[in-house]
N, C-alpha and C. Protein backbone atom coordinates (compact mmCIF):
# COMPACT_ATOMS: atom_id res chain seq x y z
N MET A 1 164.03 -97.36 -160.98
CA MET A 1 162.66 -96.94 -160.82
C MET A 1 161.33 -97.34 -161.56
N LYS A 2 161.64 -97.35 -162.93
CA LYS A 2 160.37 -97.38 -163.80
C LYS A 2 159.99 -99.20 -163.86
N THR A 3 160.64 -100.15 -163.01
CA THR A 3 160.26 -101.21 -163.32
C THR A 3 159.69 -101.26 -161.83
N LEU A 4 159.68 -100.44 -160.70
CA LEU A 4 159.14 -100.49 -159.35
C LEU A 4 157.97 -99.79 -159.56
N ARG A 5 157.53 -99.03 -160.49
CA ARG A 5 156.51 -98.16 -160.46
C ARG A 5 155.36 -99.27 -161.39
N VAL A 6 156.07 -99.94 -162.37
CA VAL A 6 155.37 -101.06 -163.32
C VAL A 6 154.83 -101.79 -161.85
N GLY A 7 155.69 -102.38 -161.24
CA GLY A 7 155.20 -103.35 -160.26
C GLY A 7 154.11 -103.11 -159.47
N ILE A 8 154.28 -101.61 -159.06
CA ILE A 8 153.33 -101.33 -158.17
C ILE A 8 151.75 -101.24 -158.49
N LEU A 9 151.97 -100.45 -159.90
CA LEU A 9 150.84 -100.62 -160.69
C LEU A 9 150.03 -102.25 -161.09
N LEU A 10 150.91 -103.06 -161.46
CA LEU A 10 150.25 -104.55 -161.69
C LEU A 10 149.90 -105.05 -160.41
N ALA A 11 150.51 -104.65 -159.05
CA ALA A 11 149.83 -104.97 -157.72
C ALA A 11 148.69 -104.65 -157.64
N CYS A 12 148.58 -103.16 -158.02
CA CYS A 12 146.94 -102.72 -157.92
C CYS A 12 145.95 -103.51 -158.58
N LEU A 13 146.48 -103.59 -159.59
CA LEU A 13 145.65 -104.28 -160.94
C LEU A 13 145.49 -105.78 -160.64
N ILE A 14 146.24 -106.29 -160.12
CA ILE A 14 146.12 -107.72 -159.71
C ILE A 14 144.77 -107.71 -158.42
N ASN A 15 145.34 -106.84 -157.35
CA ASN A 15 144.40 -106.92 -156.34
C ASN A 15 143.05 -106.25 -156.52
N GLY A 16 142.92 -105.49 -157.38
CA GLY A 16 141.74 -104.53 -157.85
C GLY A 16 141.00 -105.44 -158.89
N ALA A 17 141.48 -106.17 -159.15
CA ALA A 17 140.61 -107.10 -160.48
C ALA A 17 139.77 -108.41 -159.34
N ALA A 18 140.58 -108.85 -157.91
CA ALA A 18 139.77 -109.45 -157.56
C ALA A 18 138.16 -108.65 -156.56
N LEU A 19 138.33 -107.58 -156.64
CA LEU A 19 137.30 -107.00 -156.00
C LEU A 19 136.26 -106.84 -157.22
N VAL A 20 136.39 -106.80 -158.50
CA VAL A 20 135.17 -106.51 -159.32
C VAL A 20 134.83 -107.65 -159.87
N ARG A 21 133.64 -108.09 -159.20
CA ARG A 21 132.50 -109.16 -159.60
C ARG A 21 131.13 -108.62 -159.73
N PRO A 22 130.76 -108.47 -161.09
CA PRO A 22 129.69 -107.66 -161.71
C PRO A 22 128.08 -108.81 -161.52
N VAL A 23 127.30 -108.32 -161.02
CA VAL A 23 126.21 -108.96 -161.00
C VAL A 23 125.05 -108.09 -161.91
N LEU A 24 124.67 -109.14 -162.51
CA LEU A 24 123.41 -108.09 -163.30
C LEU A 24 121.82 -108.26 -162.46
N ALA A 25 121.60 -107.11 -162.91
CA ALA A 25 120.37 -106.49 -161.86
C ALA A 25 119.32 -107.75 -162.48
N VAL A 26 118.33 -108.02 -161.58
CA VAL A 26 117.20 -108.88 -161.67
C VAL A 26 116.54 -108.74 -162.91
N ASP A 27 116.32 -107.42 -163.20
CA ASP A 27 115.49 -107.32 -164.40
C ASP A 27 116.44 -107.69 -165.93
N GLU A 28 117.41 -107.57 -165.75
CA GLU A 28 118.30 -108.09 -166.68
C GLU A 28 118.77 -109.44 -167.01
N SER A 29 118.13 -110.35 -166.19
CA SER A 29 118.53 -111.85 -166.28
C SER A 29 117.63 -112.34 -167.36
N HIS A 30 116.92 -111.56 -168.15
CA HIS A 30 116.03 -112.65 -169.27
C HIS A 30 116.99 -111.80 -171.09
N LEU A 31 118.47 -111.19 -170.58
CA LEU A 31 119.05 -110.57 -171.74
C LEU A 31 119.55 -111.48 -172.85
N THR A 32 119.65 -111.15 -173.80
CA THR A 32 120.12 -112.40 -174.67
C THR A 32 121.57 -111.94 -175.19
N LEU A 33 122.41 -112.72 -175.95
CA LEU A 33 123.62 -112.44 -176.15
C LEU A 33 123.81 -111.19 -176.92
N GLU A 34 123.03 -111.02 -178.02
CA GLU A 34 122.72 -109.96 -178.54
C GLU A 34 122.51 -108.64 -178.00
N ASP A 35 122.05 -108.62 -177.01
CA ASP A 35 121.89 -107.34 -176.31
C ASP A 35 123.34 -107.17 -175.57
N VAL A 36 124.17 -108.37 -175.16
CA VAL A 36 125.12 -108.02 -174.24
C VAL A 36 126.59 -107.78 -175.54
N ILE A 37 126.65 -108.22 -176.36
CA ILE A 37 127.86 -108.41 -177.15
C ILE A 37 128.05 -106.63 -177.84
N PHE A 38 126.96 -106.50 -178.29
CA PHE A 38 126.65 -104.95 -178.82
C PHE A 38 126.77 -104.03 -177.76
N ASP A 39 126.68 -104.35 -176.47
CA ASP A 39 126.84 -103.11 -175.80
C ASP A 39 127.95 -103.06 -174.59
N ALA A 40 128.57 -101.87 -174.54
CA ALA A 40 130.04 -102.13 -173.77
C ALA A 40 129.87 -101.69 -172.70
N LYS A 41 128.62 -101.48 -172.26
CA LYS A 41 128.63 -101.48 -170.61
C LYS A 41 128.75 -102.94 -169.88
N TYR A 42 128.10 -103.81 -170.49
CA TYR A 42 128.49 -104.84 -170.13
C TYR A 42 130.21 -105.57 -169.90
N VAL A 43 130.76 -104.81 -170.55
CA VAL A 43 132.04 -105.43 -170.40
C VAL A 43 132.61 -104.28 -169.47
N GLY A 44 132.06 -103.12 -169.44
CA GLY A 44 132.76 -102.15 -168.31
C GLY A 44 132.09 -102.58 -166.77
N GLN A 45 131.12 -103.50 -166.63
CA GLN A 45 130.88 -103.96 -165.30
C GLN A 45 132.26 -104.62 -164.63
N PHE A 46 133.30 -105.37 -165.77
CA PHE A 46 134.19 -105.80 -165.04
C PHE A 46 135.58 -104.88 -165.15
N LEU A 47 135.43 -103.69 -165.29
CA LEU A 47 136.86 -103.33 -165.30
C LEU A 47 136.73 -102.71 -164.23
N GLY A 48 138.18 -102.52 -163.58
CA GLY A 48 138.56 -101.80 -162.55
C GLY A 48 139.03 -100.40 -162.90
N PRO A 49 139.59 -99.73 -161.80
CA PRO A 49 140.34 -98.36 -162.19
C PRO A 49 141.09 -98.44 -163.35
N LYS A 50 142.22 -99.38 -163.53
CA LYS A 50 143.04 -99.82 -164.24
C LYS A 50 142.92 -101.14 -165.37
N THR A 51 142.84 -100.79 -166.31
CA THR A 51 142.79 -101.96 -167.38
C THR A 51 143.86 -102.39 -168.34
N ILE A 52 144.32 -103.04 -168.69
CA ILE A 52 145.45 -103.61 -169.60
C ILE A 52 144.98 -104.02 -170.73
N LEU A 53 145.61 -103.14 -171.93
CA LEU A 53 144.52 -103.72 -173.14
C LEU A 53 146.07 -104.42 -173.82
N GLN A 54 145.44 -105.42 -174.38
CA GLN A 54 146.25 -106.60 -175.47
C GLN A 54 145.82 -106.26 -176.67
N LEU A 55 146.37 -105.18 -177.20
CA LEU A 55 145.90 -104.99 -178.59
C LEU A 55 146.99 -105.68 -179.65
N LYS A 56 146.71 -106.25 -180.89
CA LYS A 56 147.35 -106.56 -182.22
C LYS A 56 148.15 -105.57 -182.30
N PRO A 57 149.53 -106.20 -183.08
CA PRO A 57 150.39 -104.94 -183.75
C PRO A 57 149.64 -104.75 -184.80
N GLY A 58 150.02 -103.41 -185.54
CA GLY A 58 149.47 -102.70 -186.29
C GLY A 58 148.66 -101.49 -186.02
N ASP A 59 148.10 -101.08 -186.86
CA ASP A 59 147.00 -99.93 -187.05
C ASP A 59 145.96 -100.24 -185.73
N GLN A 60 146.19 -99.52 -184.63
CA GLN A 60 144.98 -99.49 -183.62
C GLN A 60 144.22 -98.54 -183.59
N THR A 61 144.02 -97.68 -184.73
CA THR A 61 142.87 -96.47 -184.69
C THR A 61 141.82 -96.90 -184.42
N GLN A 62 141.19 -98.04 -185.32
CA GLN A 62 139.74 -98.52 -184.95
C GLN A 62 139.64 -98.85 -183.69
N VAL A 63 140.28 -99.66 -182.82
CA VAL A 63 140.16 -99.67 -181.39
C VAL A 63 139.94 -98.49 -180.57
N LEU A 64 141.19 -97.83 -180.60
CA LEU A 64 140.99 -96.55 -180.00
C LEU A 64 139.96 -95.54 -180.04
N GLU A 65 139.43 -95.74 -181.41
CA GLU A 65 138.01 -94.69 -181.58
C GLU A 65 136.94 -95.69 -181.17
N ALA A 66 136.85 -96.95 -181.02
CA ALA A 66 135.65 -98.05 -180.61
C ALA A 66 135.91 -97.48 -179.00
N LEU A 67 136.85 -97.41 -178.63
CA LEU A 67 137.01 -97.23 -176.98
C LEU A 67 136.47 -96.03 -176.35
N ALA A 68 136.69 -94.96 -177.37
CA ALA A 68 136.23 -93.51 -176.76
C ALA A 68 134.90 -93.45 -177.09
N LYS A 69 133.93 -94.04 -178.19
CA LYS A 69 132.91 -93.73 -178.35
C LYS A 69 132.06 -94.79 -177.28
N SER A 70 132.96 -95.69 -176.84
CA SER A 70 131.93 -96.96 -175.91
C SER A 70 131.91 -96.32 -174.47
N GLY A 71 132.76 -95.10 -174.20
CA GLY A 71 132.83 -94.22 -172.79
C GLY A 71 133.21 -95.42 -171.93
N LEU A 72 133.87 -96.17 -172.01
CA LEU A 72 134.51 -97.15 -171.32
C LEU A 72 135.71 -96.29 -170.69
N GLY A 73 136.48 -95.39 -171.36
CA GLY A 73 137.54 -94.45 -170.85
C GLY A 73 137.08 -93.95 -169.51
N GLU A 74 135.81 -93.75 -169.34
CA GLU A 74 135.01 -92.95 -168.09
C GLU A 74 135.34 -93.58 -167.19
N LYS A 75 135.25 -95.15 -167.33
CA LYS A 75 134.96 -96.23 -165.98
C LYS A 75 136.63 -96.66 -165.82
N THR A 76 137.40 -96.52 -166.62
CA THR A 76 138.89 -97.28 -166.26
C THR A 76 139.89 -96.34 -167.02
N LYS A 77 140.98 -96.28 -166.73
CA LYS A 77 142.31 -95.77 -167.25
C LYS A 77 142.95 -97.07 -168.20
N PHE A 78 143.29 -96.75 -169.59
CA PHE A 78 143.70 -98.13 -170.22
C PHE A 78 145.03 -97.73 -170.30
N MET A 79 145.86 -98.85 -170.33
CA MET A 79 147.28 -98.76 -170.11
C MET A 79 147.33 -100.03 -171.39
N GLN A 80 148.56 -99.74 -172.51
CA GLN A 80 148.90 -101.11 -173.45
C GLN A 80 149.80 -101.90 -172.66
N LEU A 81 149.69 -103.60 -173.13
CA LEU A 81 150.34 -104.25 -172.34
C LEU A 81 151.96 -103.99 -172.04
N PRO A 82 152.50 -103.85 -171.21
CA PRO A 82 153.93 -103.69 -170.98
C PRO A 82 154.55 -104.48 -171.48
N PRO A 83 156.08 -104.45 -171.76
CA PRO A 83 156.59 -105.37 -172.51
C PRO A 83 157.48 -106.50 -171.23
N GLN A 84 157.26 -105.93 -169.82
CA GLN A 84 157.49 -107.29 -168.88
C GLN A 84 156.59 -108.08 -168.85
N LEU A 85 155.15 -107.84 -169.41
CA LEU A 85 154.42 -108.90 -169.19
C LEU A 85 154.02 -109.79 -170.25
N THR A 86 154.27 -111.12 -169.85
CA THR A 86 153.52 -112.03 -170.70
C THR A 86 152.20 -112.19 -171.10
N PRO A 87 152.02 -112.06 -172.58
CA PRO A 87 150.74 -111.55 -173.05
C PRO A 87 149.79 -112.94 -172.88
N ALA A 88 148.47 -112.77 -172.85
CA ALA A 88 147.70 -113.74 -172.67
C ALA A 88 147.61 -114.11 -173.82
N LYS A 89 147.19 -115.81 -174.17
CA LYS A 89 147.34 -116.31 -175.46
C LYS A 89 146.25 -117.59 -175.24
N PRO A 90 145.56 -117.57 -176.58
CA PRO A 90 144.30 -118.51 -176.48
C PRO A 90 145.26 -119.85 -176.42
N LYS A 91 144.28 -120.96 -175.60
CA LYS A 91 145.02 -122.34 -175.67
C LYS A 91 143.56 -123.13 -176.09
N PHE A 92 142.44 -122.76 -176.19
CA PHE A 92 141.62 -123.34 -176.61
C PHE A 92 140.40 -122.33 -176.97
N GLU A 93 140.59 -122.62 -178.56
CA GLU A 93 139.56 -121.74 -179.42
C GLU A 93 138.65 -122.58 -180.23
N THR A 94 137.03 -122.37 -180.05
CA THR A 94 136.19 -123.05 -180.34
C THR A 94 136.02 -122.75 -181.92
N PRO A 95 135.90 -122.78 -183.14
CA PRO A 95 135.62 -122.15 -184.44
C PRO A 95 133.96 -121.78 -184.10
N PRO A 96 133.53 -120.64 -184.91
CA PRO A 96 132.55 -120.62 -185.05
C PRO A 96 131.22 -121.43 -185.60
N ARG A 97 130.56 -121.67 -185.27
CA ARG A 97 129.48 -122.59 -186.37
C ARG A 97 128.47 -121.54 -186.95
N LEU A 98 128.37 -121.28 -188.02
CA LEU A 98 127.62 -120.23 -188.73
C LEU A 98 126.51 -121.32 -189.48
N PRO A 99 125.36 -120.42 -189.65
CA PRO A 99 124.39 -121.11 -189.78
C PRO A 99 124.12 -121.70 -191.23
N ASP A 100 123.69 -122.64 -191.63
CA ASP A 100 124.08 -123.33 -193.26
C ASP A 100 123.75 -122.62 -194.39
N VAL A 101 122.53 -121.64 -194.04
CA VAL A 101 122.21 -120.81 -195.22
C VAL A 101 123.08 -119.83 -195.37
N HIS A 102 124.24 -119.48 -194.40
CA HIS A 102 125.11 -118.14 -194.31
C HIS A 102 126.21 -119.20 -194.85
N LYS A 103 126.82 -120.41 -194.47
CA LYS A 103 127.91 -121.16 -195.12
C LYS A 103 128.02 -120.87 -196.88
N TRP A 104 126.98 -121.05 -197.27
CA TRP A 104 126.73 -121.27 -198.52
C TRP A 104 126.84 -120.02 -199.59
N GLN A 105 126.66 -119.16 -198.97
CA GLN A 105 126.55 -117.51 -199.77
C GLN A 105 127.82 -117.32 -200.26
N ASN A 106 128.00 -116.32 -200.83
CA ASN A 106 129.43 -115.65 -201.66
C ASN A 106 129.41 -114.40 -200.62
N LYS A 107 129.79 -114.58 -199.43
CA LYS A 107 129.94 -113.41 -198.47
C LYS A 107 131.30 -113.36 -197.82
N GLU A 108 131.61 -112.02 -197.47
CA GLU A 108 133.18 -111.99 -196.83
C GLU A 108 132.08 -110.99 -195.60
N SER A 109 132.56 -111.30 -194.72
CA SER A 109 132.15 -110.86 -193.01
C SER A 109 133.51 -110.31 -192.26
N ASP A 110 133.62 -109.67 -191.25
CA ASP A 110 134.44 -109.50 -190.22
C ASP A 110 133.65 -108.88 -188.79
N ALA A 111 134.27 -109.18 -187.85
CA ALA A 111 133.75 -109.21 -186.65
C ALA A 111 135.08 -108.87 -185.69
N ALA A 112 135.20 -107.73 -184.82
CA ALA A 112 136.01 -107.44 -184.19
C ALA A 112 135.30 -107.17 -182.79
N PHE A 113 136.39 -107.77 -182.07
CA PHE A 113 135.76 -107.67 -180.46
C PHE A 113 137.06 -107.69 -179.50
N LEU A 114 136.50 -106.94 -178.33
CA LEU A 114 137.52 -106.63 -177.46
C LEU A 114 136.82 -107.81 -176.35
N ILE A 115 137.50 -108.99 -175.54
CA ILE A 115 137.49 -109.69 -174.78
C ILE A 115 138.08 -109.51 -173.62
N TYR A 116 137.01 -109.54 -172.46
CA TYR A 116 137.78 -109.61 -171.28
C TYR A 116 137.85 -110.86 -170.43
N VAL A 117 139.39 -111.14 -170.39
CA VAL A 117 140.00 -112.35 -170.10
C VAL A 117 140.56 -112.51 -168.51
N SER A 118 139.95 -113.03 -167.54
CA SER A 118 140.22 -112.99 -166.26
C SER A 118 141.21 -113.39 -166.17
N ALA A 119 141.96 -113.17 -164.92
CA ALA A 119 143.02 -113.85 -164.08
C ALA A 119 143.40 -115.46 -164.46
N GLU A 120 142.12 -115.86 -164.41
CA GLU A 120 142.10 -117.59 -164.51
C GLU A 120 142.11 -118.17 -165.99
N GLY A 121 142.00 -117.08 -167.06
CA GLY A 121 141.95 -116.97 -168.15
C GLY A 121 140.77 -117.82 -168.83
N LYS A 122 139.87 -117.32 -168.38
CA LYS A 122 138.08 -117.16 -168.87
C LYS A 122 137.48 -116.20 -169.09
N VAL A 123 136.70 -116.56 -170.39
CA VAL A 123 136.17 -115.22 -171.10
C VAL A 123 135.06 -114.67 -170.09
N GLU A 124 134.91 -113.62 -169.38
CA GLU A 124 134.05 -113.33 -168.87
C GLU A 124 132.72 -112.28 -169.16
N SER A 125 133.49 -111.53 -170.44
CA SER A 125 132.85 -110.97 -170.96
C SER A 125 132.98 -110.45 -172.73
N LEU A 126 132.45 -110.14 -173.34
CA LEU A 126 133.10 -109.50 -174.63
C LEU A 126 132.14 -108.20 -175.29
N TYR A 127 132.77 -107.44 -176.00
CA TYR A 127 132.21 -106.77 -176.67
C TYR A 127 132.50 -106.48 -178.10
N CYS A 128 131.53 -106.31 -179.35
CA CYS A 128 131.92 -106.53 -180.47
C CYS A 128 131.83 -105.02 -181.14
N TYR A 129 133.03 -104.18 -181.26
CA TYR A 129 132.82 -102.98 -181.76
C TYR A 129 133.05 -102.95 -183.08
N SER A 130 133.01 -103.67 -183.95
CA SER A 130 132.75 -103.27 -185.18
C SER A 130 132.49 -104.77 -185.99
N HIS A 131 131.57 -104.79 -186.77
CA HIS A 131 131.02 -105.80 -187.66
C HIS A 131 130.44 -105.65 -188.88
N HIS A 132 130.55 -106.47 -189.69
CA HIS A 132 129.60 -106.32 -191.29
C HIS A 132 128.50 -106.97 -191.45
N ASP A 133 128.23 -108.13 -190.38
CA ASP A 133 127.19 -108.97 -190.33
C ASP A 133 126.68 -109.50 -188.94
N LYS A 134 125.52 -109.12 -188.62
CA LYS A 134 125.33 -109.51 -186.92
C LYS A 134 125.22 -111.12 -186.86
N ILE A 135 124.72 -111.84 -187.72
CA ILE A 135 124.83 -113.11 -187.85
C ILE A 135 126.02 -113.89 -187.41
N PHE A 136 126.81 -113.22 -188.62
CA PHE A 136 128.36 -114.04 -188.25
C PHE A 136 128.89 -113.53 -186.73
N ALA A 137 128.49 -111.96 -186.66
CA ALA A 137 129.08 -111.39 -185.28
C ALA A 137 128.66 -112.69 -183.97
N ARG A 138 127.27 -112.71 -183.88
CA ARG A 138 126.64 -113.53 -182.83
C ARG A 138 127.23 -114.78 -183.17
N ALA A 139 127.78 -115.48 -184.22
CA ALA A 139 128.06 -116.89 -184.33
C ALA A 139 129.48 -116.85 -183.53
N VAL A 140 130.49 -116.02 -183.99
CA VAL A 140 131.93 -116.12 -183.42
C VAL A 140 131.57 -115.71 -181.97
N ALA A 141 130.71 -114.64 -181.23
CA ALA A 141 130.54 -114.54 -180.04
C ALA A 141 130.55 -115.70 -179.24
N ARG A 142 129.41 -116.40 -179.84
CA ARG A 142 129.03 -117.87 -178.85
C ARG A 142 130.20 -118.68 -178.91
N SER A 143 131.10 -118.73 -179.84
CA SER A 143 132.39 -119.35 -180.02
C SER A 143 133.29 -118.96 -179.20
N ILE A 144 133.68 -117.63 -179.22
CA ILE A 144 134.64 -116.85 -178.16
C ILE A 144 134.20 -117.52 -176.41
N LEU A 145 132.87 -117.13 -176.11
CA LEU A 145 132.55 -117.72 -174.85
C LEU A 145 133.04 -118.93 -174.43
N LYS A 146 133.25 -119.78 -175.19
CA LYS A 146 133.95 -121.09 -174.76
C LYS A 146 135.34 -121.22 -174.85
N TRP A 147 136.15 -120.12 -175.35
CA TRP A 147 137.19 -120.19 -175.13
C TRP A 147 138.13 -120.23 -174.10
N ARG A 148 139.43 -120.89 -173.86
CA ARG A 148 140.05 -120.91 -172.62
C ARG A 148 141.53 -120.12 -172.75
N PHE A 149 142.37 -119.49 -172.17
CA PHE A 149 143.54 -118.69 -172.19
C PHE A 149 144.40 -118.94 -171.21
N ASP A 150 145.54 -118.75 -171.81
CA ASP A 150 146.82 -118.84 -170.66
C ASP A 150 146.77 -117.42 -170.58
N PRO A 151 146.42 -116.92 -169.16
CA PRO A 151 146.42 -115.41 -168.63
C PRO A 151 147.45 -114.78 -169.16
N ALA A 152 147.46 -113.54 -168.89
CA ALA A 152 148.48 -112.29 -169.03
C ALA A 152 149.07 -112.71 -167.65
N SER A 153 150.53 -112.49 -167.45
CA SER A 153 151.39 -112.66 -166.16
C SER A 153 152.25 -111.65 -166.21
N TYR A 154 152.57 -111.46 -164.88
CA TYR A 154 153.77 -110.44 -164.58
C TYR A 154 154.51 -111.27 -163.42
N ASN A 155 155.83 -111.64 -163.86
CA ASN A 155 156.48 -112.48 -162.82
C ASN A 155 155.90 -113.72 -162.04
N GLY A 156 154.66 -114.41 -162.82
CA GLY A 156 154.37 -115.72 -162.25
C GLY A 156 152.89 -115.22 -161.97
N SER A 157 152.25 -113.84 -161.62
CA SER A 157 151.11 -113.63 -161.40
C SER A 157 150.36 -113.24 -162.17
N PRO A 158 149.13 -114.20 -162.35
CA PRO A 158 148.05 -113.88 -163.49
C PRO A 158 147.35 -112.46 -163.81
N LEU A 159 147.22 -111.93 -164.53
CA LEU A 159 146.60 -110.44 -164.75
C LEU A 159 145.27 -110.77 -165.26
N PRO A 160 144.40 -109.63 -165.71
CA PRO A 160 143.33 -110.04 -166.47
C PRO A 160 143.64 -108.71 -167.57
N VAL A 161 143.12 -109.19 -168.90
CA VAL A 161 143.48 -108.30 -169.50
C VAL A 161 142.10 -107.69 -170.76
N LEU A 162 142.32 -106.97 -171.51
CA LEU A 162 140.96 -106.94 -172.49
C LEU A 162 142.00 -107.03 -173.68
N TYR A 163 141.28 -108.00 -174.28
CA TYR A 163 142.19 -108.51 -175.44
C TYR A 163 141.28 -108.48 -176.74
N GLN A 164 142.13 -107.64 -177.50
CA GLN A 164 141.36 -107.59 -178.75
C GLN A 164 141.59 -109.01 -180.10
N HIS A 165 140.67 -109.23 -180.48
CA HIS A 165 140.52 -110.19 -181.21
C HIS A 165 139.51 -109.83 -182.82
N THR A 166 139.93 -110.09 -184.16
CA THR A 166 139.02 -110.02 -185.34
C THR A 166 138.85 -111.27 -185.74
N ALA A 167 137.76 -111.36 -185.86
CA ALA A 167 137.64 -113.04 -186.97
C ALA A 167 137.32 -112.37 -188.28
N SER A 168 137.43 -113.34 -189.38
CA SER A 168 137.07 -112.70 -190.64
C SER A 168 136.25 -114.15 -191.32
N PHE A 169 135.53 -113.92 -192.49
CA PHE A 169 135.02 -115.09 -193.10
C PHE A 169 135.14 -114.68 -194.44
N ARG A 170 135.74 -115.38 -195.26
CA ARG A 170 135.99 -115.48 -196.83
C ARG A 170 135.38 -116.47 -197.66
N SER A 171 134.54 -116.63 -198.38
CA SER A 171 133.81 -117.94 -198.85
C SER A 171 134.88 -117.92 -200.25
N ILE A 172 135.23 -119.28 -199.97
CA ILE A 172 135.95 -119.84 -201.15
C ILE A 172 135.06 -120.28 -202.39
N MET A 173 133.72 -120.31 -202.34
CA MET A 173 132.79 -120.83 -203.30
C MET A 173 132.27 -119.69 -203.83
N GLY A 174 132.62 -119.22 -205.01
CA GLY A 174 132.29 -118.35 -205.86
C GLY A 174 130.95 -118.96 -206.81
N PRO A 175 130.56 -118.33 -207.03
CA PRO A 175 128.97 -118.42 -208.45
C PRO A 175 129.52 -119.32 -209.38
N ARG A 176 131.05 -119.15 -209.84
CA ARG A 176 131.53 -119.90 -210.88
C ARG A 176 131.91 -121.31 -210.57
N PHE A 177 131.78 -121.60 -209.30
CA PHE A 177 131.62 -123.33 -208.99
C PHE A 177 130.47 -123.90 -208.86
N ARG A 178 129.23 -123.05 -209.37
CA ARG A 178 128.03 -123.76 -209.17
C ARG A 178 127.71 -123.95 -210.25
N ASP A 179 126.77 -124.95 -210.87
CA ASP A 179 126.23 -125.18 -212.00
C ASP A 179 124.43 -124.34 -211.71
N PRO A 180 124.43 -123.32 -212.92
CA PRO A 180 123.03 -122.62 -212.42
C PRO A 180 122.08 -123.52 -212.76
N ALA A 181 121.83 -124.49 -213.62
CA ALA A 181 121.19 -125.27 -213.89
C ALA A 181 120.48 -125.95 -212.50
N GLU A 182 121.79 -126.37 -211.87
CA GLU A 182 121.18 -127.27 -210.66
C GLU A 182 121.33 -126.53 -209.41
N ASP A 183 120.93 -125.12 -209.43
CA ASP A 183 121.10 -124.23 -208.46
C ASP A 183 120.07 -124.26 -206.96
N ASN A 184 119.01 -124.96 -207.70
CA ASN A 184 118.10 -125.17 -206.87
C ASN A 184 118.57 -126.48 -206.24
N ASN A 185 119.10 -127.53 -206.53
CA ASN A 185 119.24 -128.78 -205.80
C ASN A 185 120.79 -128.97 -205.18
N ASN A 186 121.87 -128.06 -206.07
CA ASN A 186 123.23 -128.61 -205.58
C ASN A 186 123.62 -127.36 -205.17
N MET A 187 123.67 -127.93 -203.79
CA MET A 187 124.19 -126.15 -202.90
C MET A 187 125.87 -126.11 -203.00
N GLY A 188 126.89 -127.26 -203.38
CA GLY A 188 128.06 -127.53 -203.28
C GLY A 188 128.73 -128.71 -202.91
N SER A 189 129.63 -129.04 -202.48
CA SER A 189 130.30 -130.23 -201.48
C SER A 189 131.02 -129.84 -200.42
N PRO A 190 130.94 -130.65 -199.63
CA PRO A 190 131.62 -129.86 -198.53
C PRO A 190 133.51 -129.82 -198.70
N ALA A 191 133.78 -130.17 -199.56
CA ALA A 191 135.20 -129.62 -200.09
C ALA A 191 135.20 -128.10 -200.43
N ASN A 192 134.08 -127.48 -200.88
CA ASN A 192 134.12 -126.00 -200.98
C ASN A 192 133.19 -125.57 -199.99
N THR A 193 132.82 -125.76 -198.76
CA THR A 193 132.69 -125.19 -197.67
C THR A 193 133.41 -123.66 -197.69
N PRO A 194 132.78 -122.74 -197.05
CA PRO A 194 133.64 -121.59 -196.64
C PRO A 194 134.07 -121.60 -195.36
N MET A 195 135.36 -121.24 -195.01
CA MET A 195 135.81 -121.36 -193.81
C MET A 195 135.97 -120.21 -193.21
N PRO A 196 135.63 -119.95 -192.01
CA PRO A 196 135.84 -119.04 -191.09
C PRO A 196 137.68 -119.00 -190.76
N GLN A 197 137.93 -117.49 -190.99
CA GLN A 197 139.46 -117.62 -190.52
C GLN A 197 139.52 -116.47 -189.41
N SER A 198 140.56 -116.78 -188.79
CA SER A 198 140.88 -116.12 -187.45
C SER A 198 141.96 -115.12 -187.64
N ALA A 199 141.68 -114.14 -187.24
CA ALA A 199 143.08 -113.17 -187.51
C ALA A 199 143.66 -113.11 -185.89
N THR A 200 144.86 -113.83 -185.78
CA THR A 200 145.23 -113.57 -184.55
C THR A 200 146.23 -112.93 -184.09
């Protein structure tokens, strides 16, 4: 009986997702990436009456608090990915391209996103619900928009999901790797370039 209920719910999700096709109003055609990624309403345009959440294992408090503050729960009913479903999985990830000035600074940055992944495995929209640095968050968002996924599925039928992703940047080149006398001319070597890290 439980399997039947899950099957009916998923069938509604599949059919409902086909009906949700958001269109930006004419006066919103000049929006920038920053306008969109920090405002949950643009992800909300893609959500149907019910939405599957694919969250990372561990403490989910921050995500649930972000969803409560975003107002998305007024538009849709969230359900966590049932065990019967095959989860969405990135198959093509573009790393973020950070501005040069950002790369060489001794910084640590994090940005957390909810990504709407369609039944075709495309990133349709995303919402940055937490970040320490807007420059880093924008760079990560640009890269995520190019990602492709193997979509979530149930018995071979693909389903859209709201997928959680956190990206972290940890500089491996602290001040001790630089010669203070050459700080104006020597910015380090490629071997010491800070690398973005992805928390998958």
